[in-house]
Amino acid sequence: MKSNLTPIISILIFLIGALALMVTPREENPQIDVPAANVIVHMQGSSPEEVQNLIVRPLEMVLREMTGVEHTYGTSMDSMGVVTVMFTVGEDKEASLVKLYDRIMHNLDRLPAGASQPLVKPMDVDDVPVSVITLSSQALDGLALKRLAERVRDQLAPLSGVSVVDIIGGQDHEIRIQIDPAKMAAYGIALDALHHVLEASNRGGNVGQLVGDNQVVKIWLDGYLKTAQEVGQLVVGSWQGKVIYLRDIATVSDGVSEANQLHRIAFGAASKQTTVGEPETPAVSIALSKKRGTNAVVVTQAIADKLHELKGDFIPDNVQVSITRDSGKRADDAVNLLVEHLAIAIGTVIIILLLFLGWREAAIVTMNIPIILFVVLAIGFFADQTINRITLFALILALGLLVDDAIVVIENIHRHLHKGVRSLSDKSALIIRATNETGKPTIIATIAVILAFIPMAFVTGMMGPYMAPIPFNAPVAMAASLLIAYAFTPWIAQRFLPCKIIEPTMEEKDKEAKDWVHRLYMKIARPLVEQQSKRRLFSVVVFVLFVAAMLEPGWQFIRPAGINGPLTAGSVELKMLPKGNQNTFNITLDLAEGSTLEETDALARKIGDVLRQHPLINDYESFIGRGGPIDFNGILRGAALFREAPHLGEIRVNLINKHERSESSSDIVLDLRDMLAPVLAEYPKASVKLVEDPPGPPVRATLLAEIYGPDYEKQREIAKHVRSVFAKTYDVVDIDDSVGANQVQYDIHVNKEKAARLGVVTEQVETALRDFLQGYNFGAVHVDNERHQVNLHVQLPRKLRAYIEDLNRIYVSSEHGTVPLSAIATVERSTVSKPIYTKDGHAVTYVSAEPREGSQVYSLLDMDKQLDGHEVIPGITLKTGGMHFGTTTPEDTFGYHMLWDGEMRLTLDVFRDLGAAFIVGLILIYLLMVAYYGQFILPMLVMAPTALTLIGIFPGHWITGQPFTATSMIGMIALAGIVVRNSTLLIDFILDYQKQGYDVKTAVLEAGAVRARPILLTALAVIAGTSIMISDPVFGGLGVSMVFGTISATILTLFITPLMYYLWQRNKPVKTDACA
């Protein structure tokens, strides 16, 4: 009370907390560490079945034996197998990858002959670009744009914090040799002869040295090719005494590589940029990642500043520079917005304190708030936490709770000082006595709230680290609030709160200040205690309200119309997390296998025509023949591999800032689905998905069915039926499967006997086909000041490799000259072998989809009912599973089993863990109460009102139109501690009054009346502090639970807890201090 260390400690906390706020790294969401890697093995000429049996299955078996592995996913294709290893969330990344390498190296002998060395490619979330810069120009071609991008990259790469830098788009410089098969045949020149000439003529380097006259002279052979003209003048043979040059049988040009990928940018109706000429401009993008542990805000700002320096002199004026991804700015905006929300919440709490307490008391409580927040930030900094959205939501959640202790202490001091003291010397003793009076129950109540949060730290899966800031920051804030309330509040009260001097008469000694809260409480509570009829009516009303509240989320499951369909009026939707309001979303294009780049490009352009009409789209970037820069969602969905093919594409759409529009990104996506419907109707076999960034941890798909069974072809047939069920189910869109379309293939069968008679071997045929069709780099030319190798690329012109008949133009060399391919081989039409997928060693076929706008729970349960136990194809009955809280193993030895995965699996796991955390929290609180009260029944009375929070929670979600989500469940867990806190304070005052000799009726009424004011005040602080969260698209459920749950629980606890205690104790004798 008299120590001068108190203000010094306060100042020190301020300084440390302010420093922590400035230096702690910022990010939008907590980083989720999921060590993963792709193990790639090639085996030329092997079918998917061979790859599965010889490579993928043995490899999966070996890798699953490692500790810490959660899942393995296998993909068996022609000539290649890939096993994706996903480690358990939270496993050490470096240790996991070392363990993976070690495991593979120890089992190389298990790979079959002809298999390549396994290539391990880690899937690292740190490699996700935080900044993407797009350079576009109508004046520069793809080569010039890429060269400029490389120069810009070289300026950005050395910046502090920048890690991986990748360039997307543009074309490479190369010497193109487009051979004419007819002329080659006419001159009798085969491809292997051309191969030999190109390699033999492009040689040079240091060939030795001369030693004489006391010096060493090096000899350099300048035989390298340098220009396209030199290449064209190479002699490749002779015909009828005439020298045949390469230019006689091929078109040799100094140009760019063939475009097998396209990249463009276009500006939408909301953009301030203007485009002259074509609406879509050729572009090259530079994707930059940050180093682990660095601040994304600082890194992206340094990139933006450097770009600003480069504009003008380094980057010409005819090149448009656009920052199309800025994760640092997005994180900083999100954090700053929540800091503003935190400030608003603090201001609201202060206003409430001013209304219910004097300005001095309000000021004292207000002083505690920044001290507590700075303590939390300082501890978070030393615990290697970051400042992100979840951290700040945890602080906003804790705000209403962290002032509770200070409010309880200052309100009790205020109440005692208001009665007056005999002398100023008694003031300190009175403050100490008032503080001690609330000490034990407040400490116990605060510990109870902390115990409610701690079990959340043990949530498994990706939601564990995602929500981890809540069970870390909220308990730290509560513990800090308790210490500061009892260390700082009395010290400040001693110096700033006034008191009045009174004479120590019995009348004044026993006088209690009966304010309006006291009178109102007595008016309501006394009839409930004294009149049985009123008690019964009150009980019936509470019961009816409870049943009605429970029916709001439950009616959709039991209604006669069926579980799926539009939500019934008055119902509350259940889902994992609501869709967030983002500034960007993705459109992925997946045409039928075998579609050309031109067809994919045509679809992308038609989609672009629609996008440019929308008034809220700022710009979009098209990536044709490949995916765009990978994001966190894509890398954990497994989209980092197999992203390059002519039938694939991606369009990244950037909207105007969400603070400048009234429509959410989800509403915009819904609008675009309708606008794009006519375009997509022209491409019935194309899978076009509008993918929004998930509000929480990503999953492979929201709706994901995994089909297992002994026959893979039957699996594919079942998958087609399951897809048809998806297609006719309400609210299901973006349907896809892993079966794929049939792609035409021509098989070349070499007649080995004929070939042998002509002196031709199969290797020659393979080389000729590969070089003519795919092209081949026969070395490189040496060009001064070129940043990259300039390849000598030999290939047929595109117009001569369009049809199967074009293969007749291909000749191979033999002992008797050149031989047409048709003389030794036949062609047979077939289909491309489709990949075989496995998961954890079980062959699997996938069917996936997304909900249009509602929860996946209802559509999934509806589809499960249509599929489980039904004959899906003749003679095969499908069994479904994966709808339980535990892990389900596929039963695929003799029958066919379909398991639900995706967001449903995540939902079940999260609600299982949160439910378990809720139960464990209640058990811990009960044990704490038993230890505190020394009996078993009284703690049950203290905790009984916990269920009453539901009376406010579900109607609150209905009123605000919010679904009940995982964040709502977090609010429910927090409310359990708040309810117990209020009940504990009530019961302790009841017991205290009984010890003073009051009968049980008087004790419960007086205790309730005295504690009503601080309980209402703390409830209002919680409501004011958390109401700011209701508007958030993701954490709105948490805000709704806290606001409406606190309202119902506080009002009902004030009357039900004393009433239950009265009914329990009314026939028992009074216990005084003498007989206690």
Foldseek 3Di string as FASTA:
>chain_A
DPDPVVVVVLVVLLVLLVVLVVPFFFFAFFDWDKKKKKKKKFFAQDALVCCVVQPVLVLLVLVVVDPQWDWWKWWGHHRMIIIMTIGFIPPDRVVSVVVVVVSLVVCVVSHDPRMDRIDIGILGQLQFFQWKKKKFFPVDALAVQVVLVVVLCVVLCVDPFWDDKDKDTGWAWFKEWAFALVQCVVQQHAPVLVLVQLQVQADKAWDAWDDDPNDIGTDIGPRHFFDQVVQQQGFSDAHPNHTDGSVRGTPIDGDTDDDLKFKWKAFFQQAPDDDPDDRITGIMMMTIGGDPPDHLLVSLVVSVVVVVVCPPPSPPPRMDMDTPHRRNVVRVVLLVVLVVLLVQLLVLLLVLCVVQDPNLLSVLLSSLLVSLSSQLSSVCVVVSHHRHNLLSLLSLLLQLVLSLLLLQLSVQLVQQLALFAQDLVCSLVSSVVSNVLCQPLLVLLLVLLLLLLQLLCPQTDSVNSRNNSNNRRNNSSSVSSNVCSSPPNSVSCSPRPDGHHDDPDPVSVPDGDCDPLLVVLCVPQVCCQPPVVVVVVVVVVLVVLLVLLVCQQVVLCVPPVANDDDRDASHFAEAAWAAFFDQKWKKKKAAFPPDALVVQVVLVVVLVVLRNPDNFWGMKMKMAQFEDRDHQQCSQLVNPPPGGGSRIMMMMIGTPDPVVDDDGPLVVVLVSVVSCVVSCVVRVRMQIDIGGDGPGHHWNFAWKKKKFADDVVVQVLLLVLLLVLQVPFPQWASKDKQPGDWAKDKDKAFQQVQCVVQAHDVVQVVVQVCCADVWDFSAFGDHPPDPDTHTHTYYHPPVLPDDPVSQQSHWGQTPVGIDGSVSGIDMDMDTGNGMWMDMSSTTIMMMHTHGSRGHPVSRVVVSQVVQAQDDSDPPAHEHEDQQALDDDDDPHPHHMYMYIDGSNNVQSSLCVSLVVSLVSSLVVSQVSVCVVVVDRVLSCLLQVLLSQLSSQQSVLCSVLVHHQHSLLSVLSSSVSSLSSSLLSQLVSQLLVVLQAPDALSVSNSVSLSSCLSSLVSSLSSSLSSLCSQCPGSGNVSSSSSSNRSSVRSSVCSSNSSSSVVCVVPVPPDGHHNVRD
